[in-house]
Amino acid sequence: MENLGIGLQLMIVGMCTVFLILLIVIYGGKLLIKVVNRIAPEEMAAVKKTVRASTDGADPTVMAVLSETVRQLTGGKGHISSVRRI
């Protein structure tokens, strides 16, 4: 019976140790992210001229929304080559 008590004690101490180390890793990672974001913030990409697409009678407002959406999703690297209804 004594071995069972020692085993349970060892299990509880081990689980608490693992839990504390995981907390240190989680909060240390969050702290590291905050420090890095303050020291070296993400650079904003320069806005490039958009290439005129063949709109085939599309509304200019819709075209502007589509162009801005593509620009945001691709980080300014993508462009619309044509717009047509399907």
C-alpha atoms as a PDB file:
ATOM      1  CA  MET A   1       0.000   0.000   0.000  1.00  0.00           C
ATOM      2  CA  GLU A   2       2.936   2.284   0.642  1.00  0.00           C
ATOM      3  CA  ASN A   3       4.085   1.942  -2.988  1.00  0.00           C
ATOM      4  CA  LEU A   4       0.651   3.051  -4.204  1.00  0.00           C
ATOM      5  CA  GLY A   5       0.861   6.242  -2.117  1.00  0.00           C
ATOM      6  CA  ILE A   6       4.325   7.038  -3.423  1.00  0.00           C
ATOM      7  CA  GLY A   7       3.151   6.372  -6.970  1.00  0.00           C
ATOM      8  CA  LEU A   8       0.177   8.715  -6.619  1.00  0.00           C
ATOM      9  CA  GLN A   9       2.393  11.398  -5.071  1.00  0.00           C
ATOM     10  CA  LEU A  10       4.876  11.095  -7.911  1.00  0.00           C
ATOM     11  CA  MET A  11       2.073  11.260 -10.492  1.00  0.00           C
ATOM     12  CA  ILE A  12       0.579  14.415  -8.955  1.00  0.00           C
ATOM     13  CA  VAL A  13       3.962  16.136  -8.704  1.00  0.00           C
ATOM     14  CA  GLY A  14       4.774  15.186 -12.309  1.00  0.00           C
ATOM     15  CA  MET A  15       1.427  16.395 -13.671  1.00  0.00           C
ATOM     16  CA  CYS A  16       1.714  19.698 -11.787  1.00  0.00           C
ATOM     17  CA  THR A  17       5.243  20.165 -13.134  1.00  0.00           C
ATOM     18  CA  VAL A  18       4.118  19.556 -16.715  1.00  0.00           C
ATOM     19  CA  PHE A  19       1.159  21.917 -16.249  1.00  0.00           C
ATOM     20  CA  LEU A  20       3.404  24.695 -14.919  1.00  0.00           C
ATOM     21  CA  ILE A  21       5.921  24.256 -17.732  1.00  0.00           C
ATOM     22  CA  LEU A  22       3.121  24.440 -20.304  1.00  0.00           C
ATOM     23  CA  LEU A  23       1.858  27.666 -18.707  1.00  0.00           C
ATOM     24  CA  ILE A  24       5.370  29.116 -18.877  1.00  0.00           C
ATOM     25  CA  VAL A  25       5.628  28.173 -22.568  1.00  0.00           C
ATOM     26  CA  ILE A  26       2.214  29.656 -23.412  1.00  0.00           C
ATOM     27  CA  TYR A  27       2.709  32.970 -21.606  1.00  0.00           C
ATOM     28  CA  GLY A  28       6.337  33.173 -22.698  1.00  0.00           C
ATOM     29  CA  GLY A  29       5.213  32.785 -26.319  1.00  0.00           C
ATOM     30  CA  LYS A  30       2.572  35.494 -25.936  1.00  0.00           C
ATOM     31  CA  LEU A  31       5.133  37.815 -24.359  1.00  0.00           C
ATOM     32  CA  LEU A  32       7.613  37.107 -27.144  1.00  0.00           C
ATOM     33  CA  ILE A  33       4.988  37.917 -29.789  1.00  0.00           C
ATOM     34  CA  LYS A  34       4.162  41.239 -28.105  1.00  0.00           C
ATOM     35  CA  VAL A  35       7.842  42.199 -27.778  1.00  0.00           C
ATOM     36  CA  VAL A  36       8.635  41.335 -31.387  1.00  0.00           C
ATOM     37  CA  ASN A  37       5.590  43.229 -32.655  1.00  0.00           C
ATOM     38  CA  ARG A  38       6.678  46.336 -30.742  1.00  0.00           C
ATOM     39  CA  ILE A  39      10.320  46.137 -31.829  1.00  0.00           C
ATOM     40  CA  ALA A  40       9.762  45.211 -35.472  1.00  0.00           C
ATOM     41  CA  PRO A  41       6.183  45.939 -36.562  1.00  0.00           C
ATOM     42  CA  GLU A  42       4.952  44.485 -39.814  1.00  0.00           C
ATOM     43  CA  GLU A  43       5.773  46.741 -42.744  1.00  0.00           C
ATOM     44  CA  MET A  44       2.915  48.059 -44.820  1.00  0.00           C
ATOM     45  CA  ALA A  45       3.179  47.157 -48.500  1.00  0.00           C
ATOM     46  CA  ALA A  46       3.323  50.082 -50.894  1.00  0.00           C
ATOM     47  CA  VAL A  47       0.165  50.507 -52.924  1.00  0.00           C
ATOM     48  CA  LYS A  48       0.880  49.748 -56.564  1.00  0.00           C
ATOM     49  CA  LYS A  49      -1.044  50.919 -59.579  1.00  0.00           C
ATOM     50  CA  THR A  50      -3.718  48.457 -60.529  1.00  0.00           C
ATOM     51  CA  VAL A  51      -3.796  46.989 -63.996  1.00  0.00           C
ATOM     52  CA  ARG A  52      -6.952  47.811 -65.905  1.00  0.00           C
ATOM     53  CA  ALA A  53      -9.047  44.717 -66.401  1.00  0.00           C
ATOM     54  CA  SER A  54     -11.557  44.041 -69.109  1.00  0.00           C
ATOM     55  CA  THR A  55     -14.772  44.672 -67.245  1.00  0.00           C
ATOM     56  CA  ASP A  56     -17.291  43.648 -69.923  1.00  0.00           C
ATOM     57  CA  GLY A  57     -19.858  46.156 -68.638  1.00  0.00           C
ATOM     58  CA  ALA A  58     -19.319  45.517 -64.911  1.00  0.00           C
ATOM     59  CA  ASP A  59     -20.380  48.239 -62.501  1.00  0.00           C
ATOM     60  CA  PRO A  60     -17.384  50.468 -61.523  1.00  0.00           C
ATOM     61  CA  THR A  61     -18.340  50.158 -57.847  1.00  0.00           C
ATOM     62  CA  VAL A  62     -18.306  46.362 -58.044  1.00  0.00           C
ATOM     63  CA  MET A  63     -15.000  46.501 -59.910  1.00  0.00           C
ATOM     64  CA  ALA A  64     -13.488  48.720 -57.193  1.00  0.00           C
ATOM     65  CA  VAL A  65     -14.678  46.352 -54.451  1.00  0.00           C
ATOM     66  CA  LEU A  66     -13.302  43.311 -56.286  1.00  0.00           C
ATOM     67  CA  SER A  67      -9.966  45.009 -56.933  1.00  0.00           C
ATOM     68  CA  GLU A  68      -9.597  46.034 -53.286  1.00  0.00           C
ATOM     69  CA  THR A  69     -10.537  42.546 -52.101  1.00  0.00           C
ATOM     70  CA  VAL A  70      -7.958  40.915 -54.349  1.00  0.00           C
ATOM     71  CA  ARG A  71      -5.343  43.465 -53.270  1.00  0.00           C
ATOM     72  CA  GLN A  72      -5.966  42.762 -49.571  1.00  0.00           C
ATOM     73  CA  LEU A  73      -6.048  38.985 -49.942  1.00  0.00           C
ATOM     74  CA  THR A  74      -2.873  38.791 -52.032  1.00  0.00           C
ATOM     75  CA  GLY A  75      -0.938  41.543 -50.264  1.00  0.00           C
ATOM     76  CA  GLY A  76      -0.886  43.725 -53.390  1.00  0.00           C
ATOM     77  CA  LYS A  77       0.656  41.004 -55.563  1.00  0.00           C
ATOM     78  CA  GLY A  78      -2.467  39.838 -57.377  1.00  0.00           C
ATOM     79  CA  HIS A  79      -4.619  41.558 -59.955  1.00  0.00           C
ATOM     80  CA  ILE A  80      -7.879  40.951 -61.796  1.00  0.00           C
ATOM     81  CA  SER A  81      -7.398  40.006 -65.428  1.00  0.00           C
ATOM     82  CA  SER A  82     -11.073  39.891 -66.426  1.00  0.00           C
ATOM     83  CA  VAL A  83     -14.540  40.052 -64.942  1.00  0.00           C
ATOM     84  CA  ARG A  84     -17.520  38.273 -66.453  1.00  0.00           C
ATOM     85  CA  ARG A  85     -20.770  36.776 -65.223  1.00  0.00           C
ATOM     86  CA  ILE A  86     -21.184  33.039 -65.245  1.00  0.00           C
END
